[in-house]
Amino acid sequence: MVESYVRFFGEKPSRRVTSPLEKGDHPELDTSEFLGVDETRIYQSMIGSAQWVISIGRFDIAVHIMTLSSFRAQPRRGHLDRIKRVYA
């Protein structure tokens, strides 16, 4: 997962976070701009990779990834920032 993150964003994920999402975060209320076609593909790829990681044992991120996966068709900038946080 880290390799794909570096390929997409040109840097390693931040190590400054302590949880997959912020406490009280509501991605369904996000009003940031919609992602373009290329960024949407990156978002979808990151969601798919995270779902695979869940299937091999990272059950602790399952709820967060399933919540974010509901925005695969039309993700917003804030959703991309959230999946980047999960990768961290």
C-alpha atoms as a PDB file:
ATOM      1  CA  MET A   1       0.000   0.000   0.000  1.00  0.00           C
ATOM      2  CA  VAL A   2       2.806   2.407   0.785  1.00  0.00           C
ATOM      3  CA  GLU A   3       4.314   1.888  -2.667  1.00  0.00           C
ATOM      4  CA  SER A   4       1.052   2.798  -4.393  1.00  0.00           C
ATOM      5  CA  TYR A   5       0.671   5.840  -2.131  1.00  0.00           C
ATOM      6  CA  VAL A   6       4.145   7.047  -3.105  1.00  0.00           C
ATOM      7  CA  ARG A   7       3.380   6.433  -6.794  1.00  0.00           C
ATOM      8  CA  PHE A   8       0.125   8.440  -6.576  1.00  0.00           C
ATOM      9  CA  PHE A   9       1.303  11.351  -4.407  1.00  0.00           C
ATOM     10  CA  GLY A  10       5.112  11.370  -4.639  1.00  0.00           C
ATOM     11  CA  GLU A  11       5.647  11.074  -0.883  1.00  0.00           C
ATOM     12  CA  LYS A  12       5.239   8.570   1.934  1.00  0.00           C
ATOM     13  CA  PRO A  13       2.097   8.727   4.104  1.00  0.00           C
ATOM     14  CA  SER A  14       2.286  10.879   7.216  1.00  0.00           C
ATOM     15  CA  ARG A  15       3.081   9.108  10.484  1.00  0.00           C
ATOM     16  CA  ARG A  16       1.537  11.846  12.630  1.00  0.00           C
ATOM     17  CA  VAL A  17      -1.966  10.363  12.899  1.00  0.00           C
ATOM     18  CA  THR A  18      -3.120   8.002  15.639  1.00  0.00           C
ATOM     19  CA  SER A  19      -6.462   6.826  14.231  1.00  0.00           C
ATOM     20  CA  PRO A  20      -7.845   6.105  10.746  1.00  0.00           C
ATOM     21  CA  LEU A  21     -10.346   8.979  10.879  1.00  0.00           C
ATOM     22  CA  GLU A  22     -10.852  11.890  13.243  1.00  0.00           C
ATOM     23  CA  LYS A  23     -13.291  11.377  16.098  1.00  0.00           C
ATOM     24  CA  GLY A  24     -16.746  12.630  15.141  1.00  0.00           C
ATOM     25  CA  ASP A  25     -15.896  12.819  11.428  1.00  0.00           C
ATOM     26  CA  HIS A  26     -18.873  12.650   9.037  1.00  0.00           C
ATOM     27  CA  PRO A  27     -17.720  12.065   5.415  1.00  0.00           C
ATOM     28  CA  GLU A  28     -21.319  12.203   4.210  1.00  0.00           C
ATOM     29  CA  LEU A  29     -21.421  15.910   5.122  1.00  0.00           C
ATOM     30  CA  ASP A  30     -18.355  16.804   3.045  1.00  0.00           C
ATOM     31  CA  THR A  31     -18.934  19.781   0.744  1.00  0.00           C
ATOM     32  CA  SER A  32     -15.463  20.091  -0.818  1.00  0.00           C
ATOM     33  CA  GLU A  33     -15.099  20.050  -4.616  1.00  0.00           C
ATOM     34  CA  PHE A  34     -15.611  16.839  -6.580  1.00  0.00           C
ATOM     35  CA  LEU A  35     -12.507  15.038  -7.824  1.00  0.00           C
ATOM     36  CA  GLY A  36     -11.587  14.933 -11.490  1.00  0.00           C
ATOM     37  CA  VAL A  37     -11.468  11.713 -13.497  1.00  0.00           C
ATOM     38  CA  ASP A  38      -7.822  10.902 -12.733  1.00  0.00           C
ATOM     39  CA  GLU A  39      -8.130  11.620  -9.017  1.00  0.00           C
ATOM     40  CA  THR A  40     -11.342   9.572  -8.869  1.00  0.00           C
ATOM     41  CA  ARG A  41      -9.447   6.605 -10.304  1.00  0.00           C
ATOM     42  CA  ILE A  42      -6.741   7.051  -7.676  1.00  0.00           C
ATOM     43  CA  TYR A  43      -9.410   7.184  -4.944  1.00  0.00           C
ATOM     44  CA  GLN A  44     -11.079   4.040  -6.279  1.00  0.00           C
ATOM     45  CA  SER A  45      -7.736   2.243  -6.464  1.00  0.00           C
ATOM     46  CA  MET A  46      -6.894   3.206  -2.894  1.00  0.00           C
ATOM     47  CA  ILE A  47     -10.291   1.990  -1.667  1.00  0.00           C
ATOM     48  CA  GLY A  48      -9.817  -1.325  -3.500  1.00  0.00           C
ATOM     49  CA  SER A  49      -6.354  -1.824  -2.011  1.00  0.00           C
ATOM     50  CA  ALA A  50      -7.649  -1.053   1.465  1.00  0.00           C
ATOM     51  CA  GLN A  51     -10.508  -3.554   1.032  1.00  0.00           C
ATOM     52  CA  TRP A  52      -7.946  -6.200   0.122  1.00  0.00           C
ATOM     53  CA  VAL A  53      -5.920  -5.344   3.247  1.00  0.00           C
ATOM     54  CA  ILE A  54      -9.062  -5.796   5.355  1.00  0.00           C
ATOM     55  CA  SER A  55      -9.597  -9.252   3.860  1.00  0.00           C
ATOM     56  CA  ILE A  56      -6.115 -10.343   4.953  1.00  0.00           C
ATOM     57  CA  GLY A  57      -6.514  -9.194   8.521  1.00  0.00           C
ATOM     58  CA  ARG A  58      -6.716  -5.425   9.118  1.00  0.00           C
ATOM     59  CA  PHE A  59     -10.238  -5.557  10.523  1.00  0.00           C
ATOM     60  CA  ASP A  60      -9.648  -2.417  12.579  1.00  0.00           C
ATOM     61  CA  ILE A  61     -10.063  -0.196   9.496  1.00  0.00           C
ATOM     62  CA  ALA A  62     -13.076  -2.025   8.040  1.00  0.00           C
ATOM     63  CA  VAL A  63     -15.769   0.433   9.163  1.00  0.00           C
ATOM     64  CA  HIS A  64     -13.788   3.428   7.950  1.00  0.00           C
ATOM     65  CA  ILE A  65     -13.069   1.913   4.539  1.00  0.00           C
ATOM     66  CA  MET A  66     -16.620   0.714   4.031  1.00  0.00           C
ATOM     67  CA  THR A  67     -17.887   4.199   4.887  1.00  0.00           C
ATOM     68  CA  LEU A  68     -15.495   5.821   2.415  1.00  0.00           C
ATOM     69  CA  SER A  69     -16.214   3.202  -0.254  1.00  0.00           C
ATOM     70  CA  SER A  70     -19.789   4.450  -0.482  1.00  0.00           C
ATOM     71  CA  PHE A  71     -18.366   7.563  -2.224  1.00  0.00           C
ATOM     72  CA  ARG A  72     -16.507   5.682  -4.988  1.00  0.00           C
ATOM     73  CA  ALA A  73     -18.736   6.917  -7.811  1.00  0.00           C
ATOM     74  CA  GLN A  74     -18.304  10.643  -7.059  1.00  0.00           C
ATOM     75  CA  PRO A  75     -15.711  11.289  -4.354  1.00  0.00           C
ATOM     76  CA  ARG A  76     -14.844  14.744  -3.116  1.00  0.00           C
ATOM     77  CA  ARG A  77     -11.476  16.234  -2.169  1.00  0.00           C
ATOM     78  CA  GLY A  78     -12.234  15.633   1.517  1.00  0.00           C
ATOM     79  CA  HIS A  79     -12.850  11.933   0.868  1.00  0.00           C
ATOM     80  CA  LEU A  80      -9.449  11.627  -0.796  1.00  0.00           C
ATOM     81  CA  ASP A  81      -7.856  13.346   2.186  1.00  0.00           C
ATOM     82  CA  ARG A  82      -9.600  10.866   4.490  1.00  0.00           C
ATOM     83  CA  ILE A  83      -8.394   7.778   2.614  1.00  0.00           C
ATOM     84  CA  LYS A  84      -4.896   9.266   2.645  1.00  0.00           C
ATOM     85  CA  ARG A  85      -5.218   9.526   6.441  1.00  0.00           C
ATOM     86  CA  VAL A  86      -6.246   5.862   6.666  1.00  0.00           C
ATOM     87  CA  TYR A  87      -3.127   4.910   4.720  1.00  0.00           C
ATOM     88  CA  ALA A  88      -1.019   6.843   7.220  1.00  0.00           C
END
